[in-house]
C-alpha cells in the first residue's frame, strides 16, 4: 500500500474535501505528528494483508463470543440475531498532552455529577439556589423518591461513568452524553486492544501506546472502595439480567476478569435486611453489587412488581446500608437529556470552577421559544428523546426525509417536554478501512471514569465509528463499529 495510494484513498472523499475536522490529518492533508509513525507503517502494508487481518479479527471475535444482540432484529426463522460489532484496524490516536487536558475535564465533570446526585437526594441546594427548576428533577421519571435521605458510601453514586465525547474542531471537545446508569462498552475497548496487539505486534514496538489492560483491576478496586463500613474483605458480584441481554458478553467478561461471581436475581435473596448469594456451601453474604440491571427491575417489592430480574427486599437492604449498589439507584436523573444542559452550571455551583469540557448547545423543547426555533429549523438539527438511548428515537435533520421530519414535527407538538435538539456538529473523522478502501468516517469516544478512593480512568476509551458514509450515528445498535483508541506516552 503505497503512500500515494493511502493519500488518494483518503483525500478523494467528499467529506474530507468539504473541510471537516479530521483526527489523523491536517487541513493540508498531511498526517498529524502523532499519526506519522502509524502512517509510515500503513504505507508498507498491502491491501491484501489488511483485508486478511480484518477477516482474522472477525473470526476471532466470533470464536470468543464477542457479539452484540440487536433488539428487534430477527433471522428468517423469527429468532433474535447476534452479530459481532464491526472492528476497524486503523486506530484512533491521541497525543499525551491532548489526552491530559481531556482527562482533567472528565474528572471535573464526574465530580460535579456525583455532587449533584447527592444533593438532589439530600439538601437540594441547587434547587433552592434556583439553578435548576425543581420540576425538572422531582418530575423526572428517573428521579427515585426512595433514595431521599439515603446515605451511600463516600457519597459516590456514579462509580462507573461512560462520558461520550466528540471533537468538532482542532482541540474542541464537547460532551455529547453522560452515561451513569449502566454504561456499557468497556469490554470492547479491552478486546479491541488485545486484537490489535495480536494482529499487529510490530506496531506496539514502534509506538509507545499507554496500556488499558489494567482496567478490570481498577474497576475491582473501585467496587471494593464502595463496600459498606466494616466489610474489610467484601464479597462483590456482577448482577446481570441474563444471557439474552444485549451486553451479556460484557457482564460475563468483566466478572471473569475481576475474579468475582456473575449472578442473576434468582441467585440472591434478602434476609433481615442483608443480601445473600446461594452457593453450594450455603448462603454467603454479598456486600457490593456491580449491577447491570436497570432501576425498575431491581426490586419487585419497590419498583416493577412483575420483574423477575431483581431481588425482593434488595432496596430495604440497600437503604439500611448493608449492601452497596454500583451504580447507585437514582443516578439516571443525572444522565437524562433534559438535565444535560445544566451540567456546566453544576460544575460552577459545586466546584466553583469553569467547565473544562463544553456541552453541545442544546434547545429544550419544553421551553416555548426553544420549541419555536426547533420547529423552524428541523431540517438542520438533531432531535433526541430525553430518555432515549442507543441511537433510537432521534432525528438527524440533514439526513432525514421530508416525511420523517414531519413525523417528528407532530411528535414535538404533541409532547415537547420529551425532546431536546442540538445543532448538527461537523464531527471529526478518522481514516477507516471500509469496503471501498480507506475513507474518513465520523467518530466519537466513550472514556470510562471510575470513582472510588479517587477519580481514575485508563488512558483511552471506546472509539465508535459510523460506518455508513455521511452518517453521524455511531451506536452499535444502529450499525456502527469500533476502533482501538491509543494514547501515546510522552
Protein backbone atom coordinates (compact mmCIF):
# COMPACT_ATOMS: atom_id res chain seq x y z
CA UNK A 1 0.00 0.00 0.00
CA UNK A 2 1.99 2.96 -1.24
CA UNK A 3 1.89 6.40 0.28
CA UNK A 4 0.30 7.71 -2.90
CA UNK A 5 -2.44 5.06 -2.65
CA UNK A 6 -3.06 5.89 1.02
CA UNK A 7 -3.25 9.61 0.30
CA UNK A 8 -5.54 9.12 -2.68
CA UNK A 9 -7.93 6.82 -0.81
CA UNK A 10 -8.25 9.32 1.99
CA UNK A 11 -8.32 12.60 0.14
CA UNK A 12 -10.76 11.67 -2.61
CA UNK A 13 -13.54 11.58 -0.04
CA UNK A 14 -16.01 14.42 -0.49
CA UNK A 15 -16.24 14.75 3.31
CA UNK A 16 -12.55 15.49 3.60
CA UNK A 17 -12.75 17.89 0.66
CA UNK A 18 -15.53 19.69 2.48
CA UNK A 19 -13.05 20.61 5.20
CA UNK A 20 -14.50 18.60 8.07
CA UNK A 21 -12.09 18.24 11.02
CA UNK A 22 -10.03 15.05 10.85
CA UNK A 23 -8.37 13.30 13.77
CA UNK A 24 -5.43 12.00 11.73
CA UNK A 25 -4.74 14.60 9.03
CA UNK A 26 -4.22 18.34 8.91
CA UNK A 27 -6.24 20.56 6.63
CA UNK A 28 -3.43 20.30 4.09
CA UNK A 29 -3.81 16.52 4.02
CA UNK A 30 -0.56 15.74 5.88
CA UNK A 31 -0.63 13.23 8.77
CA UNK A 32 -0.60 14.85 12.19
CA UNK A 33 2.55 14.33 14.25
CA UNK A 34 1.08 11.60 16.47
CA UNK A 35 -0.10 9.64 13.41
CA UNK A 36 3.15 9.74 11.42
CA UNK A 37 4.63 6.51 12.72
CA UNK A 38 1.39 4.64 12.09
CA UNK A 39 1.05 6.25 8.66
CA UNK A 40 4.58 5.14 7.69
CA UNK A 41 3.81 1.59 8.82
CA UNK A 42 0.48 1.54 6.96
CA UNK A 43 2.13 2.54 3.71
CA UNK A 44 4.25 -0.61 3.98
CA UNK A 45 1.21 -2.92 4.09
CA UNK A 46 -0.55 -4.38 1.09
CA UNK A 47 -4.29 -4.18 0.61
CA UNK A 48 -4.48 -7.98 0.80
CA UNK A 49 -2.59 -8.06 4.12
CA UNK A 50 -5.05 -5.64 5.71
CA UNK A 51 -8.03 -7.47 4.22
CA UNK A 52 -6.76 -10.75 5.67
CA UNK A 53 -6.24 -9.20 9.10
CA UNK A 54 -9.78 -7.80 9.08
CA UNK A 55 -11.13 -11.27 8.33
CA UNK A 56 -8.99 -12.79 11.09
CA UNK A 57 -10.32 -10.26 13.59
CA UNK A 58 -13.93 -11.04 12.64
CA UNK A 59 -13.32 -14.78 13.02
CA UNK A 60 -11.63 -14.43 16.40
CA UNK A 61 -14.27 -12.11 17.80
CA UNK A 62 -16.94 -14.63 16.85
CA UNK A 63 -14.99 -17.57 18.26
CA UNK A 64 -14.56 -15.81 21.59
CA UNK A 65 -18.24 -14.87 21.61
CA UNK A 66 -17.80 -11.11 21.39
CA UNK A 67 -21.23 -10.45 19.92
CA UNK A 68 -23.93 -7.86 20.30
CA UNK A 69 -27.65 -8.64 20.26
CA UNK A 70 -29.62 -6.11 18.20
CA UNK A 71 -33.05 -5.65 19.74
CA UNK A 72 -35.82 -6.25 17.21
CA UNK A 73 -33.52 -7.88 14.66
CA UNK A 74 -34.55 -11.45 13.76
CA UNK A 75 -33.46 -14.03 11.23
CA UNK A 76 -35.72 -15.74 8.72
CA UNK A 77 -36.98 -18.16 11.40
CA UNK A 78 -38.02 -15.35 13.73
CA UNK A 79 -35.15 -15.92 16.17
CA UNK A 80 -33.27 -12.90 17.54
CA UNK A 81 -29.91 -12.34 15.88
CA UNK A 82 -26.47 -11.58 17.26
CA UNK A 83 -23.51 -10.21 15.39
CA UNK A 84 -20.00 -9.04 16.01
CA UNK A 85 -19.54 -5.31 16.20
CA UNK A 86 -17.50 -4.32 13.11
CA UNK A 87 -13.90 -3.70 14.13
CA UNK A 88 -11.67 -1.29 12.24
CA UNK A 89 -7.93 -1.95 12.14
CA UNK A 90 -6.95 1.75 11.91
CA UNK A 91 -6.70 3.09 15.50
CA UNK A 92 -7.77 6.48 16.76
CA UNK A 93 -4.66 8.12 18.27
CA UNK A 94 -4.29 10.84 20.93
CA UNK A 95 -1.06 12.63 21.82
CA UNK A 96 -0.33 12.64 25.56
CA UNK A 97 -0.92 16.37 26.06
CA UNK A 98 -4.32 16.30 24.37
CA UNK A 99 -5.40 13.30 26.43
CA UNK A 100 -4.21 15.01 29.63
CA UNK A 101 -6.47 18.00 29.03
CA UNK A 102 -9.41 15.72 28.23
CA UNK A 103 -8.81 13.66 31.37
CA UNK A 104 -8.84 16.78 33.57
CA UNK A 105 -12.17 17.77 32.09
CA UNK A 106 -13.63 14.30 32.65
CA UNK A 107 -12.55 14.22 36.30
CA UNK A 108 -14.11 17.62 36.87
CA UNK A 109 -17.39 16.68 35.21
CA UNK A 110 -17.83 13.37 37.04
CA UNK A 111 -17.02 15.03 40.38
CA UNK A 112 -19.75 17.61 39.77
CA UNK A 113 -22.27 14.96 38.67
CA UNK A 114 -21.69 12.92 41.83
CA UNK A 115 -22.16 16.01 44.00
CA UNK A 116 -25.34 16.85 42.11
CA UNK A 117 -26.87 13.41 42.65
CA UNK A 118 -26.06 13.51 46.37
CA UNK A 119 -27.54 16.99 46.65
CA UNK A 120 -30.86 16.22 44.96
CA UNK A 121 -31.46 13.29 47.30
CA UNK A 122 -30.48 15.31 50.38
CA UNK A 123 -30.40 19.11 50.85
CA UNK A 124 -31.39 20.06 47.28
CA UNK A 125 -29.27 23.19 47.47
CA UNK A 126 -29.10 23.52 43.68
CA UNK A 127 -32.88 23.77 43.56
CA UNK A 128 -33.01 26.27 46.42
CA UNK A 129 -30.45 28.41 44.61
CA UNK A 130 -32.67 28.49 41.54
CA UNK A 131 -30.06 26.91 39.28
CA UNK A 132 -32.36 24.09 38.15
CA UNK A 133 -36.18 24.17 38.39
CA UNK A 134 -37.48 21.68 40.95
CA UNK A 135 -39.89 20.17 38.46
CA UNK A 136 -37.00 19.27 36.14
CA UNK A 137 -35.66 16.99 38.86
CA UNK A 138 -38.51 15.72 41.01
CA UNK A 139 -40.80 15.37 37.99
CA UNK A 140 -38.20 13.35 36.09
CA UNK A 141 -39.08 9.69 35.57
CA UNK A 142 -35.53 8.72 36.59
CA UNK A 143 -35.79 10.51 39.95
CA UNK A 144 -36.27 7.95 42.74
CA UNK A 145 -38.00 9.34 45.86
CA UNK A 146 -37.00 6.11 47.60
CA UNK A 147 -33.43 7.48 47.69
CA UNK A 148 -34.29 10.66 49.60
CA UNK A 149 -32.10 10.79 52.71
CA UNK A 150 -30.27 7.56 51.89
CA UNK A 151 -26.55 7.82 52.58
CA UNK A 152 -24.22 5.90 50.28
CA UNK A 153 -20.56 5.03 50.83
CA UNK A 154 -18.25 8.01 50.22
CA UNK A 155 -21.26 9.92 48.80
CA UNK A 156 -20.48 8.33 45.43
CA UNK A 157 -23.42 7.49 43.19
CA UNK A 158 -21.87 7.08 39.74
CA UNK A 159 -18.98 4.72 40.43
CA UNK A 160 -18.67 3.94 36.72
CA UNK A 161 -19.40 6.69 34.21
CA UNK A 162 -19.19 6.50 30.43
CA UNK A 163 -18.93 10.03 29.04
CA UNK A 164 -19.48 10.37 25.29
CA UNK A 165 -17.07 12.87 23.75
CA UNK A 166 -16.96 14.34 20.25
CA UNK A 167 -14.49 16.69 18.64
CA UNK A 168 -15.80 19.36 16.32
CA UNK A 169 -12.58 21.20 15.58
CA UNK A 170 -8.91 21.49 16.47
CA UNK A 171 -8.80 20.70 20.20
CA UNK A 172 -12.52 21.43 20.59
CA UNK A 173 -14.02 18.61 22.63
CA UNK A 174 -17.70 18.51 23.51
CA UNK A 175 -19.62 16.19 25.80
CA UNK A 176 -22.44 14.61 23.85
CA UNK A 177 -23.96 12.48 26.64
CA UNK A 178 -23.33 11.40 30.23
CA UNK A 179 -24.00 7.68 30.79
CA UNK A 180 -24.38 6.99 34.51
CA UNK A 181 -26.99 4.24 34.86
CA UNK A 182 -25.41 1.10 33.45
CA UNK A 183 -22.77 2.34 30.98
CA UNK A 184 -21.56 -0.38 28.64
CA UNK A 185 -18.83 -0.93 26.07
CA UNK A 186 -15.67 -1.24 28.14
CA UNK A 187 -15.21 -4.91 27.19
CA UNK A 188 -14.94 -3.84 23.54
CA UNK A 189 -12.26 -1.32 24.49
CA UNK A 190 -10.25 -4.12 26.12
CA UNK A 191 -10.84 -6.70 23.41
CA UNK A 192 -10.02 -4.21 20.64
CA UNK A 193 -6.61 -3.62 22.22
CA UNK A 194 -5.96 -7.35 22.60
CA UNK A 195 -6.91 -7.87 18.97
CA UNK A 196 -4.63 -5.10 17.69
CA UNK A 197 -1.69 -6.47 19.71
CA UNK A 198 -2.37 -9.94 18.30
CA UNK A 199 -2.74 -8.82 14.68
CA UNK A 200 -0.01 -6.17 14.56
CA UNK A 201 2.55 -6.74 17.36
CA UNK A 202 5.17 -4.75 15.45
CA UNK A 203 3.03 -1.63 15.73
CA UNK A 204 3.37 -1.65 19.51
CA UNK A 205 7.13 -1.86 19.33
CA UNK A 206 7.14 1.22 17.10
CA UNK A 207 4.68 3.27 19.18
CA UNK A 208 4.62 3.89 22.93
CA UNK A 209 0.94 3.20 23.50
CA UNK A 210 -0.35 3.61 27.06
CA UNK A 211 -1.86 0.33 28.36
CA UNK A 212 -5.54 -0.26 29.16
CA UNK A 213 -5.41 -3.91 30.25
CA UNK A 214 -5.41 -2.94 33.94
CA UNK A 215 -8.97 -1.57 33.75
CA UNK A 216 -10.53 -4.66 35.44
CA UNK A 217 -8.12 -4.23 38.37
CA UNK A 218 -9.07 -0.56 38.66
CA UNK A 219 -12.75 -1.47 38.48
CA UNK A 220 -12.36 -4.07 41.23
CA UNK A 221 -10.56 -1.52 43.43
CA UNK A 222 -13.42 0.92 42.81
CA UNK A 223 -16.01 -1.67 43.82
CA UNK A 224 -14.06 -2.60 46.96
CA UNK A 225 -13.88 1.07 47.92
CA UNK A 226 -17.68 1.18 47.75
CA UNK A 227 -18.18 -1.59 50.32
CA UNK A 228 -20.26 -0.78 53.44
CA UNK A 229 -18.37 0.16 56.56
CA UNK A 230 -16.96 -2.89 58.32
CA UNK A 231 -16.73 -5.06 55.21
CA UNK A 232 -12.94 -5.45 55.21
CA UNK A 233 -12.90 -8.28 52.68
CA UNK A 234 -16.08 -7.58 50.74
CA UNK A 235 -17.89 -10.11 48.57
CA UNK A 236 -18.61 -8.50 45.21
CA UNK A 237 -20.82 -9.81 42.43
CA UNK A 238 -21.90 -8.72 38.95
CA UNK A 239 -25.69 -8.77 38.62
CA UNK A 240 -26.84 -9.47 35.05
CA UNK A 241 -30.34 -9.68 33.55
CA UNK A 242 -29.19 -12.90 31.90
CA UNK A 243 -27.85 -14.32 28.68
CA UNK A 244 -30.47 -12.70 26.46
CA UNK A 245 -29.35 -9.18 27.36
CA UNK A 246 -27.51 -7.41 24.52
CA UNK A 247 -24.46 -6.75 26.74
CA UNK A 248 -24.31 -10.20 28.39
CA UNK A 249 -20.86 -10.87 26.92
CA UNK A 250 -19.56 -7.82 28.77
CA UNK A 251 -21.17 -8.86 32.07
CA UNK A 252 -19.56 -12.31 31.91
CA UNK A 253 -16.26 -10.90 30.65
CA UNK A 254 -15.88 -8.37 33.47
CA UNK A 255 -16.85 -10.88 36.17
CA UNK A 256 -14.25 -13.31 34.82
CA UNK A 257 -11.57 -10.62 34.55
CA UNK A 258 -12.17 -9.45 38.13
CA UNK A 259 -12.44 -12.99 39.51
CA UNK A 260 -15.89 -12.45 41.03
CA UNK A 261 -19.23 -14.20 40.63
CA UNK A 262 -21.67 -13.44 37.83
CA UNK A 263 -25.18 -13.78 39.26
CA UNK A 264 -28.80 -13.36 38.28
CA UNK A 265 -31.60 -12.24 40.57
CA UNK A 266 -32.62 -15.83 41.30
CA UNK A 267 -29.15 -16.48 42.79
CA UNK A 268 -29.70 -13.90 45.54
CA UNK A 269 -32.07 -13.41 48.47
CA UNK A 270 -32.55 -10.95 51.32
CA UNK A 271 -32.97 -11.89 54.96
CA UNK A 272 -33.14 -9.42 57.86
CA UNK A 273 -32.02 -6.61 55.56
CA UNK A 274 -28.87 -8.44 54.47
CA UNK A 275 -28.23 -9.74 50.98
CA UNK A 276 -27.04 -13.29 50.42
CA UNK A 277 -25.86 -15.36 47.48
CA UNK A 278 -26.82 -19.01 47.17
CA UNK A 279 -23.72 -21.21 46.91
CA UNK A 280 -23.06 -24.96 47.07
CA UNK A 281 -21.64 -24.36 50.57
CA UNK A 282 -24.63 -22.40 51.82
CA UNK A 283 -25.61 -18.72 51.88
CA UNK A 284 -22.82 -16.16 51.52
CA UNK A 285 -23.32 -12.52 52.38
CA UNK A 286 -22.89 -10.07 49.49
CA UNK A 287 -21.50 -6.59 50.18
CA UNK A 288 -21.29 -4.93 46.76
CA UNK A 289 -23.29 -5.43 43.57
CA UNK A 290 -21.96 -4.17 40.26
CA UNK A 291 -25.39 -4.12 38.74
CA UNK A 292 -26.17 -4.21 35.05
CA UNK A 293 -29.92 -4.19 35.68
CA UNK A 294 -32.00 -1.00 35.37
CA UNK A 295 -33.58 0.55 38.48
CA UNK A 296 -37.10 -0.52 37.55
CA UNK A 297 -36.21 -4.21 37.67
CA UNK A 298 -34.01 -4.31 40.80
CA UNK A 299 -36.64 -4.99 43.45
CA UNK A 300 -40.19 -6.16 42.62
CA UNK A 301 -41.37 -5.15 46.08
CA UNK A 302 -40.48 -1.50 45.40
CA UNK A 303 -40.40 -0.90 41.65
CA UNK A 304 -41.92 -3.10 38.94
CA UNK A 305 -43.84 -5.90 40.63
CA UNK A 306 -43.60 -8.08 37.51
CA UNK A 307 -39.80 -8.05 37.45
CA UNK A 308 -38.09 -11.43 37.61
CA UNK A 309 -34.62 -9.92 37.18
CA UNK A 310 -34.12 -8.42 40.62
CA UNK A 311 -34.32 -9.41 44.28
CA UNK A 312 -37.27 -8.79 46.60
CA UNK A 313 -36.10 -6.76 49.60
CA UNK A 314 -32.92 -5.51 47.93
CA UNK A 315 -33.81 -1.83 48.34
CA UNK A 316 -34.52 -2.37 52.03
CA UNK A 317 -31.04 -3.86 52.50
CA UNK A 318 -29.61 -1.00 50.46
CA UNK A 319 -31.36 1.69 52.48
CA UNK A 320 -30.15 0.01 55.68
CA UNK A 321 -26.56 0.39 54.46
CA UNK A 322 -25.87 -3.34 54.37
CA UNK A 323 -25.11 -3.58 50.66
CA UNK A 324 -23.84 -1.14 48.04
CA UNK A 325 -25.19 -0.91 44.50
CA UNK A 326 -22.82 0.34 41.81
CA UNK A 327 -24.07 2.48 40.24
CA UNK A 328 -26.48 3.78 42.86
CA UNK A 329 -30.22 3.71 42.41
CA UNK A 330 -31.44 7.04 41.04
CA UNK A 331 -28.31 8.04 39.10
CA UNK A 332 -30.37 8.09 35.91
CA UNK A 333 -31.74 11.54 36.69
CA UNK A 334 -28.26 12.97 36.09
CA UNK A 335 -27.79 11.42 32.64
CA UNK A 336 -31.24 12.30 31.40
CA UNK A 337 -31.00 14.55 28.35
CA UNK A 338 -33.31 17.13 29.94
CA UNK A 339 -30.75 17.56 32.77
CA UNK A 340 -27.70 17.51 30.48
CA UNK A 341 -27.90 21.24 29.61
CA UNK A 342 -27.39 22.11 33.29
CA UNK A 343 -24.14 20.18 33.84
CA UNK A 344 -21.88 23.22 33.20
CA UNK A 345 -23.92 25.06 35.86
CA UNK A 346 -23.34 22.11 38.22
CA UNK A 347 -19.58 22.47 37.75
CA UNK A 348 -19.77 26.15 38.67
CA UNK A 349 -22.21 25.58 41.56
CA UNK A 350 -20.50 22.67 43.31
CA UNK A 351 -16.84 23.16 42.39
CA UNK A 352 -16.59 26.90 41.87
CA UNK A 353 -14.77 26.30 38.59
CA UNK A 354 -15.37 26.97 34.94
CA UNK A 355 -16.11 23.80 32.95
CA UNK A 356 -13.13 22.40 31.10
CA UNK A 357 -15.36 20.45 28.73
CA UNK A 358 -18.20 22.14 26.89
CA UNK A 359 -21.69 20.86 26.26
CA UNK A 360 -23.13 20.81 22.78
CA UNK A 361 -25.51 23.82 22.54
CA UNK A 362 -28.96 22.47 23.36
CA UNK A 363 -32.54 23.66 22.88
CA UNK A 364 -35.00 22.34 25.47
CA UNK A 365 -38.27 21.85 23.63
CA UNK A 366 -40.31 22.25 26.82
CA UNK A 367 -39.46 25.98 26.56
CA UNK A 368 -41.81 27.75 24.10
CA UNK A 369 -39.08 29.87 22.50
CA UNK A 370 -36.78 26.88 22.10
CA UNK A 371 -39.61 24.81 20.63
CA UNK A 372 -40.41 27.51 18.08
CA UNK A 373 -36.78 27.66 16.97
CA UNK A 374 -36.56 23.88 16.68
CA UNK A 375 -39.76 23.62 14.65
CA UNK A 376 -38.49 26.32 12.31
CA UNK A 377 -35.12 24.60 11.81
CA UNK A 378 -35.89 20.87 11.95
CA UNK A 379 -34.04 20.03 8.70
CA UNK A 380 -30.83 21.43 10.22
CA UNK A 381 -30.94 19.91 13.72
CA UNK A 382 -30.52 16.66 15.63
CA UNK A 383 -33.57 15.99 17.81
CA UNK A 384 -33.42 13.42 20.64
CA UNK A 385 -35.81 11.92 23.15
CA UNK A 386 -34.81 12.98 26.66
CA UNK A 387 -34.97 9.35 27.84
CA UNK A 388 -33.71 7.82 24.58
CA UNK A 389 -30.60 5.67 24.22
CA UNK A 390 -28.75 3.55 21.70
CA UNK A 391 -29.41 5.91 18.80
CA UNK A 392 -33.12 5.19 18.86
CA UNK A 393 -35.84 7.84 18.96
CA UNK A 394 -33.82 10.56 17.27
CA UNK A 395 -33.95 12.66 14.13
CA UNK A 396 -30.84 13.71 12.20
CA UNK A 397 -32.39 16.51 10.18
CA UNK A 398 -29.90 16.80 7.29
CA UNK A 399 -30.06 13.02 6.69
CA UNK A 400 -33.84 12.67 7.04
CA UNK A 401 -36.64 12.59 4.51
CA UNK A 402 -39.43 15.15 4.43
CA UNK A 403 -41.82 12.53 5.80
CA UNK A 404 -39.51 11.72 8.73
CA UNK A 405 -39.12 15.40 9.56
CA UNK A 406 -42.87 15.97 9.51
CA UNK A 407 -43.46 12.93 11.72
CA UNK A 408 -41.04 14.37 14.27
CA UNK A 409 -42.73 17.75 13.99
CA UNK A 410 -46.02 16.14 15.01
CA UNK A 411 -44.33 14.33 17.91
CA UNK A 412 -42.74 17.58 19.12
CA UNK A 413 -46.05 19.43 19.04
CA UNK A 414 -47.78 16.63 20.93
CA UNK A 415 -45.15 16.20 23.70
CA UNK A 416 -42.46 18.89 23.51
CA UNK A 417 -41.12 18.14 27.01
CA UNK A 418 -39.92 14.72 25.78
CA UNK A 419 -37.35 16.20 23.39
CA UNK A 420 -34.20 18.27 23.14
CA UNK A 421 -32.47 19.48 19.98
CA UNK A 422 -28.87 20.21 19.08
CA UNK A 423 -27.03 21.57 16.05
CA UNK A 424 -25.57 19.08 13.60
CA UNK A 425 -21.92 19.35 14.51
CA UNK A 426 -19.15 18.83 11.98
CA UNK A 427 -17.84 15.85 13.94
CA UNK A 428 -14.23 14.89 13.46
CA UNK A 429 -13.41 11.99 11.20
CA UNK A 430 -10.79 9.27 11.32
CA UNK A 431 -9.43 7.15 8.46
CA UNK A 432 -11.40 3.89 8.45
CA UNK A 433 -10.91 0.77 6.38
CA UNK A 434 -14.25 0.17 4.64
CA UNK A 435 -15.24 -1.99 1.69
CA UNK A 436 -14.25 0.68 -0.83
CA UNK A 437 -10.84 1.22 0.79
CA UNK A 438 -9.67 3.84 3.28
CA UNK A 439 -12.08 6.71 3.88
CA UNK A 440 -12.88 9.09 6.73
CA UNK A 441 -15.83 8.21 8.94
CA UNK A 442 -17.33 10.12 11.85
CA UNK A 443 -16.27 9.02 15.34
CA UNK A 444 -16.94 9.63 19.00
CA UNK A 445 -15.20 8.46 22.17
CA UNK A 446 -16.52 6.92 25.39
CA UNK A 447 -13.88 7.08 28.16
CA UNK A 448 -14.79 5.16 31.33
CA UNK A 449 -14.35 7.16 34.53
CA UNK A 450 -14.15 5.31 37.87
CA UNK A 451 -14.93 6.99 41.20
CA UNK A 452 -13.69 5.24 44.35
CA UNK A 453 -10.96 6.41 46.68
CA UNK A 454 -10.22 8.83 43.85
CA UNK A 455 -11.42 9.54 40.31
CA UNK A 456 -9.41 7.48 37.83
CA UNK A 457 -9.51 6.20 34.27
CA UNK A 458 -7.32 4.27 31.89
CA UNK A 459 -5.73 6.27 29.04
CA UNK A 460 -8.16 5.68 26.22
CA UNK A 461 -11.73 4.52 25.81
CA UNK A 462 -14.13 3.06 23.31
CA UNK A 463 -13.95 4.81 19.95
CA UNK A 464 -17.16 4.22 18.00
CA UNK A 465 -17.33 4.86 14.28
CA UNK A 466 -20.27 5.50 11.97
CA UNK A 467 -19.51 3.12 9.12
CA UNK A 468 -22.10 4.42 6.69
CA UNK A 469 -20.75 7.30 4.61
CA UNK A 470 -22.00 10.62 5.96
CA UNK A 471 -23.72 9.04 8.97
CA UNK A 472 -23.40 10.68 12.39
CA UNK A 473 -24.89 7.72 14.32
CA UNK A 474 -22.11 5.63 15.84
CA UNK A 475 -24.19 3.30 18.05
CA UNK A 476 -23.56 -0.39 17.52
CA UNK A 477 -27.31 -0.98 17.61
CA UNK A 478 -27.52 1.29 14.54
CA UNK A 479 -24.76 -0.36 12.53
CA UNK A 480 -21.74 1.44 13.99
CA UNK A 481 -18.33 -0.13 14.53
CA UNK A 482 -15.39 0.32 16.92
CA UNK A 483 -11.70 1.16 16.84
CA UNK A 484 -8.81 0.73 19.23
CA UNK A 485 -8.00 4.02 21.00
CA UNK A 486 -4.34 4.85 21.54
CA UNK A 487 -2.91 7.42 23.90
CA UNK A 488 0.77 7.89 23.11
CA UNK A 489 3.00 8.15 26.16
CA UNK A 490 5.43 11.03 26.33
